[in-house]
Amino acid sequence: MDETKFLVNTIINALQEKKGKRIVTMDLSGLEGSICKYFIVCQGNTTTQVSALSDSVWDKVYEQLHEKPLGAIGMKEAQWIAMDYGTVMLHVFIPNMREYYNLENLWADADVTEIPDIL
């Protein structure tokens, strides 16, 4: 498994540990002009859960890969947190913000994979 795929799987596992919902991966590697190889989109029900999801990813990726994000924004408001890992961008939303920005539709040409929720 290559490093990017391992990073994607690590992020997904961290999100699932904190009950992230509607996790989607978008493979952008075949799209000209894309800013990274993968987008991962997820949602939490509240700003508290959105913060917990991003914290879980930060901790798990550092623990497994010894990497910190190149940048992270939205941590204070926790309505939409974006974390940049270079080849992978993570977006964690509260539901109404996810619906408003609709990133899955913006990157409709990408290979989209829906990850089943863990109950």
C-alpha atoms as a PDB file:
ATOM      1  CA  MET A   1       0.000   0.000   0.000  1.00  0.00           C
ATOM      2  CA  ASP A   2       1.445   3.368  -0.952  1.00  0.00           C
ATOM      3  CA  GLU A   3       1.895   6.206   1.526  1.00  0.00           C
ATOM      4  CA  THR A   4      -1.090   8.244   0.296  1.00  0.00           C
ATOM      5  CA  LYS A   5      -3.476   5.279   0.533  1.00  0.00           C
ATOM      6  CA  PHE A   6      -2.172   4.533   4.035  1.00  0.00           C
ATOM      7  CA  LEU A   7      -2.812   8.170   4.993  1.00  0.00           C
ATOM      8  CA  VAL A   8      -6.359   7.995   3.563  1.00  0.00           C
ATOM      9  CA  ASN A   9      -7.081   4.792   5.499  1.00  0.00           C
ATOM     10  CA  THR A  10      -5.619   6.226   8.702  1.00  0.00           C
ATOM     11  CA  ILE A  11      -7.828   9.317   8.407  1.00  0.00           C
ATOM     12  CA  ILE A  12     -10.931   7.203   7.728  1.00  0.00           C
ATOM     13  CA  ASN A  13     -10.210   5.008  10.759  1.00  0.00           C
ATOM     14  CA  ALA A  14      -9.754   8.065  12.976  1.00  0.00           C
ATOM     15  CA  LEU A  15     -13.059   9.518  11.755  1.00  0.00           C
ATOM     16  CA  GLN A  16     -14.886   6.246  12.314  1.00  0.00           C
ATOM     17  CA  GLU A  17     -13.516   5.968  15.861  1.00  0.00           C
ATOM     18  CA  LYS A  18     -15.329   9.213  16.708  1.00  0.00           C
ATOM     19  CA  LYS A  19     -18.520   8.240  14.837  1.00  0.00           C
ATOM     20  CA  GLY A  20     -17.994  10.518  11.834  1.00  0.00           C
ATOM     21  CA  LYS A  21     -20.942  10.290   9.440  1.00  0.00           C
ATOM     22  CA  ARG A  22     -21.288  10.202   5.656  1.00  0.00           C
ATOM     23  CA  ILE A  23     -17.553   9.798   5.032  1.00  0.00           C
ATOM     24  CA  VAL A  24     -16.692  10.181   1.355  1.00  0.00           C
ATOM     25  CA  THR A  25     -13.352   9.905  -0.412  1.00  0.00           C
ATOM     26  CA  MET A  26     -12.797  11.619  -3.733  1.00  0.00           C
ATOM     27  CA  ASP A  27      -9.873  10.430  -5.852  1.00  0.00           C
ATOM     28  CA  LEU A  28      -8.663  13.553  -7.652  1.00  0.00           C
ATOM     29  CA  SER A  29      -5.396  12.049  -8.878  1.00  0.00           C
ATOM     30  CA  GLY A  30      -6.669  11.701 -12.445  1.00  0.00           C
ATOM     31  CA  LEU A  31      -8.066  15.217 -12.684  1.00  0.00           C
ATOM     32  CA  GLU A  32      -5.974  17.920 -14.307  1.00  0.00           C
ATOM     33  CA  GLY A  33      -5.365  20.911 -12.060  1.00  0.00           C
ATOM     34  CA  SER A  34      -6.391  19.216  -8.823  1.00  0.00           C
ATOM     35  CA  ILE A  35      -4.717  20.548  -5.698  1.00  0.00           C
ATOM     36  CA  CYS A  36      -4.166  17.126  -4.095  1.00  0.00           C
ATOM     37  CA  LYS A  37      -4.678  13.426  -4.747  1.00  0.00           C
ATOM     38  CA  TYR A  38      -7.635  12.890  -2.396  1.00  0.00           C
ATOM     39  CA  PHE A  39     -10.383  14.852  -0.693  1.00  0.00           C
ATOM     40  CA  ILE A  40     -12.023  13.258   2.312  1.00  0.00           C
ATOM     41  CA  VAL A  41     -15.327  14.741   3.426  1.00  0.00           C
ATOM     42  CA  CYS A  42     -17.080  13.898   6.675  1.00  0.00           C
ATOM     43  CA  GLN A  43     -19.607  15.395   9.027  1.00  0.00           C
ATOM     44  CA  GLY A  44     -20.288  15.585  12.726  1.00  0.00           C
ATOM     45  CA  ASN A  45     -23.638  16.453  14.265  1.00  0.00           C
ATOM     46  CA  THR A  46     -22.337  19.344  16.386  1.00  0.00           C
ATOM     47  CA  THR A  47     -19.369  21.680  16.522  1.00  0.00           C
ATOM     48  CA  THR A  48     -18.115  19.665  19.510  1.00  0.00           C
ATOM     49  CA  GLN A  49     -18.142  16.475  17.428  1.00  0.00           C
ATOM     50  CA  VAL A  50     -16.501  18.239  14.469  1.00  0.00           C
ATOM     51  CA  SER A  51     -13.676  19.292  16.808  1.00  0.00           C
ATOM     52  CA  ALA A  52     -13.391  15.764  18.210  1.00  0.00           C
ATOM     53  CA  LEU A  53     -13.210  14.334  14.676  1.00  0.00           C
ATOM     54  CA  SER A  54     -10.403  16.672  13.620  1.00  0.00           C
ATOM     55  CA  ASP A  55      -8.532  16.068  16.889  1.00  0.00           C
ATOM     56  CA  SER A  56      -8.819  12.321  16.350  1.00  0.00           C
ATOM     57  CA  VAL A  57      -7.374  12.618  12.850  1.00  0.00           C
ATOM     58  CA  TRP A  58      -4.545  14.877  14.039  1.00  0.00           C
ATOM     59  CA  ASP A  59      -3.609  12.428  16.807  1.00  0.00           C
ATOM     60  CA  LYS A  60      -3.987   9.212  14.790  1.00  0.00           C
ATOM     61  CA  VAL A  61      -2.032  10.470  11.761  1.00  0.00           C
ATOM     62  CA  TYR A  62       0.759  11.734  13.999  1.00  0.00           C
ATOM     63  CA  GLU A  63       0.811   8.458  15.932  1.00  0.00           C
ATOM     64  CA  GLN A  64       0.856   6.258  12.815  1.00  0.00           C
ATOM     65  CA  LEU A  65       2.764   8.383  10.277  1.00  0.00           C
ATOM     66  CA  HIS A  66       4.539  11.028  12.393  1.00  0.00           C
ATOM     67  CA  GLU A  67       2.960  13.730  10.222  1.00  0.00           C
ATOM     68  CA  LYS A  68       1.175  16.912  11.167  1.00  0.00           C
ATOM     69  CA  PRO A  69      -1.053  18.776   8.737  1.00  0.00           C
ATOM     70  CA  LEU A  70       0.643  21.422   6.611  1.00  0.00           C
ATOM     71  CA  GLY A  71      -2.244  23.662   7.580  1.00  0.00           C
ATOM     72  CA  ALA A  72      -5.581  23.536   9.351  1.00  0.00           C
ATOM     73  CA  ILE A  73      -8.338  26.129   9.406  1.00  0.00           C
ATOM     74  CA  GLY A  74     -11.697  26.454  11.104  1.00  0.00           C
ATOM     75  CA  MET A  75     -10.613  24.888  14.399  1.00  0.00           C
ATOM     76  CA  LYS A  76     -12.039  27.708  16.522  1.00  0.00           C
ATOM     77  CA  GLU A  77     -15.528  27.833  14.993  1.00  0.00           C
ATOM     78  CA  ALA A  78     -15.629  24.077  14.200  1.00  0.00           C
ATOM     79  CA  GLN A  79     -18.374  24.408  11.599  1.00  0.00           C
ATOM     80  CA  TRP A  80     -16.033  23.475   8.755  1.00  0.00           C
ATOM     81  CA  ILE A  81     -12.521  22.313   9.543  1.00  0.00           C
ATOM     82  CA  ALA A  82     -10.099  21.785   6.666  1.00  0.00           C
ATOM     83  CA  MET A  83      -6.831  19.936   7.227  1.00  0.00           C
ATOM     84  CA  ASP A  84      -4.139  19.839   4.530  1.00  0.00           C
ATOM     85  CA  TYR A  85      -1.832  16.819   4.500  1.00  0.00           C
ATOM     86  CA  GLY A  86      -0.337  17.678   1.108  1.00  0.00           C
ATOM     87  CA  THR A  87      -1.623  14.737  -0.929  1.00  0.00           C
ATOM     88  CA  VAL A  88      -4.852  14.541   1.102  1.00  0.00           C
ATOM     89  CA  MET A  89      -7.259  17.293   2.151  1.00  0.00           C
ATOM     90  CA  LEU A  90      -9.771  16.560   4.902  1.00  0.00           C
ATOM     91  CA  HIS A  91     -13.001  18.523   5.277  1.00  0.00           C
ATOM     92  CA  VAL A  92     -15.121  18.012   8.401  1.00  0.00           C
ATOM     93  CA  PHE A  93     -18.465  19.810   8.423  1.00  0.00           C
ATOM     94  CA  ILE A  94     -21.563  20.297  10.489  1.00  0.00           C
ATOM     95  CA  PRO A  95     -24.506  19.111   8.308  1.00  0.00           C
ATOM     96  CA  ASN A  96     -25.859  22.480   7.103  1.00  0.00           C
ATOM     97  CA  MET A  97     -22.395  23.715   6.063  1.00  0.00           C
ATOM     98  CA  ARG A  98     -21.711  20.486   4.191  1.00  0.00           C
ATOM     99  CA  GLU A  99     -24.989  20.817   2.330  1.00  0.00           C
ATOM    100  CA  TYR A 100     -24.305  24.480   1.499  1.00  0.00           C
ATOM    101  CA  TYR A 101     -20.788  23.944   0.092  1.00  0.00           C
ATOM    102  CA  ASN A 102     -21.566  20.558  -1.510  1.00  0.00           C
ATOM    103  CA  LEU A 103     -17.943  19.637  -2.266  1.00  0.00           C
ATOM    104  CA  GLU A 104     -18.985  16.261  -3.661  1.00  0.00           C
ATOM    105  CA  ASN A 105     -20.832  18.059  -6.464  1.00  0.00           C
ATOM    106  CA  LEU A 106     -17.984  20.510  -7.090  1.00  0.00           C
ATOM    107  CA  TRP A 107     -15.647  17.582  -7.785  1.00  0.00           C
ATOM    108  CA  ALA A 108     -18.249  15.443  -9.575  1.00  0.00           C
ATOM    109  CA  ASP A 109     -15.626  14.197 -12.095  1.00  0.00           C
ATOM    110  CA  ALA A 110     -13.650  12.551  -9.292  1.00  0.00           C
ATOM    111  CA  ASP A 111     -13.931   8.877  -8.412  1.00  0.00           C
ATOM    112  CA  VAL A 112     -16.188   9.100  -5.332  1.00  0.00           C
ATOM    113  CA  THR A 113     -16.350   6.352  -2.713  1.00  0.00           C
ATOM    114  CA  GLU A 114     -18.885   6.418   0.097  1.00  0.00           C
ATOM    115  CA  ILE A 115     -17.666   4.795   3.312  1.00  0.00           C
ATOM    116  CA  PRO A 116     -20.450   3.081   5.282  1.00  0.00           C
ATOM    117  CA  ASP A 117     -21.245   4.600   8.670  1.00  0.00           C
ATOM    118  CA  ILE A 118     -20.274   2.532  11.687  1.00  0.00           C
ATOM    119  CA  LEU A 119     -23.197   2.178  14.034  1.00  0.00           C
END
